Amino acid sequence: MSLDTTRDAPVPDVLADMAVCYQLRVELTLIYEGPLPPKGRGISPVKATLREAFHPQIKTQVEPRLGKNRRNIMTSFMGQQFFSPAHPGLRTAAELHVLMLTPVVDRRPGDVDNRLKTLVDGLTRPANPQQMSNFTPPDPAGTFCLLDDDARVTRITLDTRNSYRPPRASKEVLVVVTAKIVLGADADMSSPTGNLFLVL
């Protein structure tokens, strides 16, 4: 049996997808400082602000690993393109560790859970026309979000602490998110990611 070692032979799609998945198995660090109200009016604009804040951080950490291969992490929605490393195209998901510092005077029962939900929504691409109405794409070439869908979060750990700095505005918090891209629940033996993770 002969082995073809031609250097210029095209890489099969499945191998290219596996390479992208392998390269995306990293931890991303995302930082946000600003308003994060637990509930009430004005939540949708805050989610848009979160997406705008996270886009350049995600793009800087993910884009160099992609090369020209973006198709499996892209979703088109209402005429806009979104790129997410936790995406069904690669059958990848995300584990999140969240450090949240909130002003001592602005802590009420249930606030943390509501703020966390708003944060996860802000890490996810817009999912309905209402969210798009408050969203201005930060980049005409497409917006980078961590998650294509919030269902792609497989684990969350939350560390809440008091912030003793005078807030510049009411409801302002400091959030540090460590996101690990992992195998999604929908990966199997027939998927590029499933095969790759089973080998690693």
Protein backbone atom coordinates (compact mmCIF):
# COMPACT_ATOMS: atom_id res chain seq x y z
CA MET A 1 0.00 0.00 0.00
CA SER A 2 1.38 3.40 -0.96
CA LEU A 3 1.03 6.60 1.06
CA ASP A 4 0.37 9.89 -0.71
CA THR A 5 2.57 12.54 0.92
CA THR A 6 1.85 15.37 -1.51
CA ARG A 7 2.37 18.57 0.46
CA ASP A 8 -0.16 20.61 -1.53
CA ALA A 9 -3.03 18.13 -1.21
CA PRO A 10 -6.16 19.79 0.21
CA VAL A 11 -7.05 18.98 3.79
CA PRO A 12 -10.39 17.14 4.05
CA ASP A 13 -13.15 19.17 5.66
CA VAL A 14 -13.42 16.79 8.59
CA LEU A 15 -9.73 17.21 9.41
CA ALA A 16 -9.98 20.98 9.08
CA ASP A 17 -12.96 20.98 11.46
CA MET A 18 -11.03 18.82 13.93
CA ALA A 19 -8.11 21.22 13.78
CA VAL A 20 -10.35 24.19 14.49
CA CYS A 21 -11.96 22.40 17.41
CA TYR A 22 -8.56 21.49 18.84
CA GLN A 23 -7.36 25.07 18.54
CA LEU A 24 -10.50 26.35 20.27
CA ARG A 25 -9.91 24.20 23.35
CA VAL A 26 -8.66 27.18 25.29
CA GLU A 27 -9.69 29.36 28.18
CA LEU A 28 -10.88 32.84 27.36
CA THR A 29 -10.74 35.68 29.88
CA LEU A 30 -13.50 38.28 29.51
CA ILE A 31 -13.88 41.42 31.64
CA TYR A 32 -16.83 43.75 32.01
CA GLU A 33 -17.22 46.80 34.21
CA GLY A 34 -20.49 48.66 34.07
CA PRO A 35 -24.21 48.46 34.81
CA LEU A 36 -25.68 45.01 35.32
CA PRO A 37 -29.14 45.50 36.82
CA PRO A 38 -30.76 42.38 38.28
CA LYS A 39 -34.13 43.06 36.70
CA GLY A 40 -36.52 45.76 35.53
CA ARG A 41 -36.69 47.95 32.49
CA GLY A 42 -33.65 48.56 30.36
CA ILE A 43 -32.31 45.00 30.46
CA SER A 44 -32.17 44.57 26.66
CA PRO A 45 -29.92 47.64 26.14
CA VAL A 46 -27.63 46.29 28.87
CA LYS A 47 -27.36 42.96 27.02
CA ALA A 48 -26.41 44.90 23.88
CA THR A 49 -23.76 46.77 25.90
CA LEU A 50 -22.39 43.45 27.18
CA ARG A 51 -22.13 42.06 23.63
CA GLU A 52 -20.32 45.18 22.46
CA ALA A 53 -17.91 44.96 25.40
CA PHE A 54 -17.15 41.26 24.93
CA HIS A 55 -16.86 41.27 21.11
CA PRO A 56 -13.28 42.66 20.83
CA GLN A 57 -12.06 40.46 23.68
CA ILE A 58 -13.48 37.28 22.15
CA LYS A 59 -12.33 38.21 18.66
CA THR A 60 -8.77 38.91 19.83
CA GLN A 61 -8.51 35.56 21.59
CA VAL A 62 -10.36 33.38 19.06
CA GLU A 63 -9.79 34.81 15.58
CA PRO A 64 -6.04 34.05 15.34
CA ARG A 65 -6.82 30.38 15.94
CA LEU A 66 -9.40 30.20 13.17
CA GLY A 67 -7.46 31.29 10.12
CA LYS A 68 -9.93 31.43 7.25
CA ASN A 69 -12.11 28.64 8.63
CA ARG A 70 -15.12 30.42 10.17
CA ARG A 71 -18.07 28.67 8.59
CA ASN A 72 -18.68 26.21 11.43
CA ILE A 73 -18.94 28.90 14.10
CA MET A 74 -21.03 31.37 12.10
CA THR A 75 -24.77 32.03 12.43
CA SER A 76 -26.67 34.56 10.33
CA PHE A 77 -29.57 36.27 12.08
CA MET A 78 -31.64 39.15 10.72
CA GLY A 79 -29.00 40.07 8.19
CA GLN A 80 -26.08 40.04 10.66
CA GLN A 81 -23.29 37.51 11.09
CA PHE A 82 -22.29 36.17 14.49
CA PHE A 83 -19.26 34.01 15.32
CA SER A 84 -19.29 31.87 18.47
CA PRO A 85 -16.63 29.36 19.60
CA ALA A 86 -19.35 27.45 21.51
CA HIS A 87 -21.42 26.51 18.47
CA PRO A 88 -23.43 23.51 17.20
CA GLY A 89 -21.38 23.59 14.00
CA LEU A 90 -18.42 22.28 15.99
CA ARG A 91 -20.58 20.70 18.69
CA THR A 92 -18.66 22.65 21.29
CA ALA A 93 -19.90 24.13 24.56
CA ALA A 94 -18.57 26.35 27.34
CA GLU A 95 -17.87 26.04 31.03
CA LEU A 96 -17.98 29.37 32.83
CA HIS A 97 -16.34 30.58 36.01
CA VAL A 98 -17.69 34.00 36.97
CA LEU A 99 -16.18 36.39 39.50
CA MET A 100 -18.70 39.14 40.24
CA LEU A 101 -17.99 42.14 42.46
CA THR A 102 -21.03 44.21 43.42
CA PRO A 103 -21.41 47.28 45.66
CA VAL A 104 -22.25 46.37 49.25
CA VAL A 105 -25.26 48.70 49.28
CA ASP A 106 -26.70 47.14 46.14
CA ARG A 107 -27.19 43.54 47.26
CA ARG A 108 -30.69 42.10 47.61
CA PRO A 109 -32.03 38.52 47.74
CA GLY A 110 -32.28 37.09 44.24
CA ASP A 111 -30.17 39.82 42.64
CA VAL A 112 -27.17 37.58 41.98
CA ASP A 113 -29.17 34.97 40.05
CA ASN A 114 -30.86 37.64 37.95
CA ARG A 115 -27.57 39.38 37.21
CA LEU A 116 -26.01 36.07 36.21
CA LYS A 117 -28.85 35.37 33.78
CA THR A 118 -28.41 38.82 32.22
CA LEU A 119 -24.67 38.20 31.94
CA VAL A 120 -25.14 34.85 30.17
CA ASP A 121 -27.60 36.48 27.77
CA GLY A 122 -24.96 39.12 27.07
CA LEU A 123 -22.46 36.38 26.22
CA THR A 124 -24.94 34.89 23.75
CA ARG A 125 -25.75 36.16 20.28
CA PRO A 126 -29.11 37.94 19.89
CA ALA A 127 -31.92 35.42 19.72
CA ASN A 128 -34.96 37.54 18.92
CA PRO A 129 -35.93 40.76 17.11
CA GLN A 130 -36.27 42.68 20.39
CA GLN A 131 -32.62 42.10 21.23
CA MET A 132 -31.60 43.07 17.71
CA SER A 133 -33.49 46.36 18.02
CA ASN A 134 -31.05 47.45 20.73
CA PHE A 135 -27.95 46.02 19.06
CA THR A 136 -25.52 47.95 16.88
CA PRO A 137 -22.92 45.62 15.33
CA PRO A 138 -19.47 46.69 16.58
CA ASP A 139 -17.81 45.25 13.48
CA PRO A 140 -19.24 45.21 9.92
CA ALA A 141 -17.44 41.92 9.29
CA GLY A 142 -19.41 40.19 12.04
CA THR A 143 -19.78 40.08 15.80
CA PHE A 144 -18.01 37.61 18.05
CA CYS A 145 -20.11 36.23 20.92
CA LEU A 146 -19.09 33.43 23.23
CA LEU A 147 -22.25 31.35 22.80
CA ASP A 148 -24.46 30.65 19.81
CA ASP A 149 -27.17 29.65 22.29
CA ASP A 150 -27.28 29.82 26.08
CA ALA A 151 -28.02 26.08 26.11
CA ARG A 152 -24.37 25.58 25.17
CA VAL A 153 -23.33 26.42 28.72
CA THR A 154 -22.64 23.09 30.42
CA ARG A 155 -21.38 24.38 33.76
CA ILE A 156 -21.29 27.62 35.74
CA THR A 157 -19.45 28.40 38.94
CA LEU A 158 -20.05 31.78 40.55
CA ASP A 159 -17.89 33.66 43.04
CA THR A 160 -19.61 36.79 44.39
CA ARG A 161 -17.75 39.35 46.44
CA ASN A 162 -18.31 42.82 47.80
CA SER A 163 -16.85 45.78 45.95
CA TYR A 164 -15.80 48.63 48.20
CA ARG A 165 -14.97 51.06 45.43
CA PRO A 166 -17.47 53.89 45.01
CA PRO A 167 -19.50 52.94 41.92
CA ARG A 168 -19.57 55.44 39.09
CA ALA A 169 -23.24 54.63 38.56
CA SER A 170 -26.00 52.67 40.23
CA LYS A 171 -26.01 48.91 39.56
CA GLU A 172 -22.39 48.97 38.35
CA VAL A 173 -20.43 45.77 38.80
CA LEU A 174 -17.06 44.31 37.90
CA VAL A 175 -17.20 40.89 36.26
CA VAL A 176 -14.37 38.57 35.24
CA VAL A 177 -15.44 35.52 33.22
CA THR A 178 -13.16 32.58 32.56
CA ALA A 179 -14.68 30.55 29.73
CA LYS A 180 -13.39 27.11 28.79
CA ILE A 181 -14.46 25.73 25.42
CA VAL A 182 -15.27 22.04 25.83
CA LEU A 183 -17.02 19.13 24.16
CA GLY A 184 -20.75 19.73 23.74
CA ALA A 185 -23.45 17.28 24.78
CA ASP A 186 -24.38 16.83 21.10
CA ALA A 187 -20.93 15.55 20.06
CA ASP A 188 -20.69 11.87 19.17
CA MET A 189 -18.47 9.40 17.36
CA SER A 190 -19.59 10.68 13.97
CA SER A 191 -18.76 14.34 14.64
CA PRO A 192 -15.34 15.97 14.11
CA THR A 193 -15.28 17.20 17.68
CA GLY A 194 -16.37 13.87 19.08
CA ASN A 195 -13.63 12.00 17.25
CA LEU A 196 -11.05 14.56 18.27
CA PHE A 197 -11.91 14.64 21.95
CA LEU A 198 -12.02 10.85 22.14
CA VAL A 199 -8.46 10.73 20.83
CA LEU A 200 -7.07 13.45 23.13
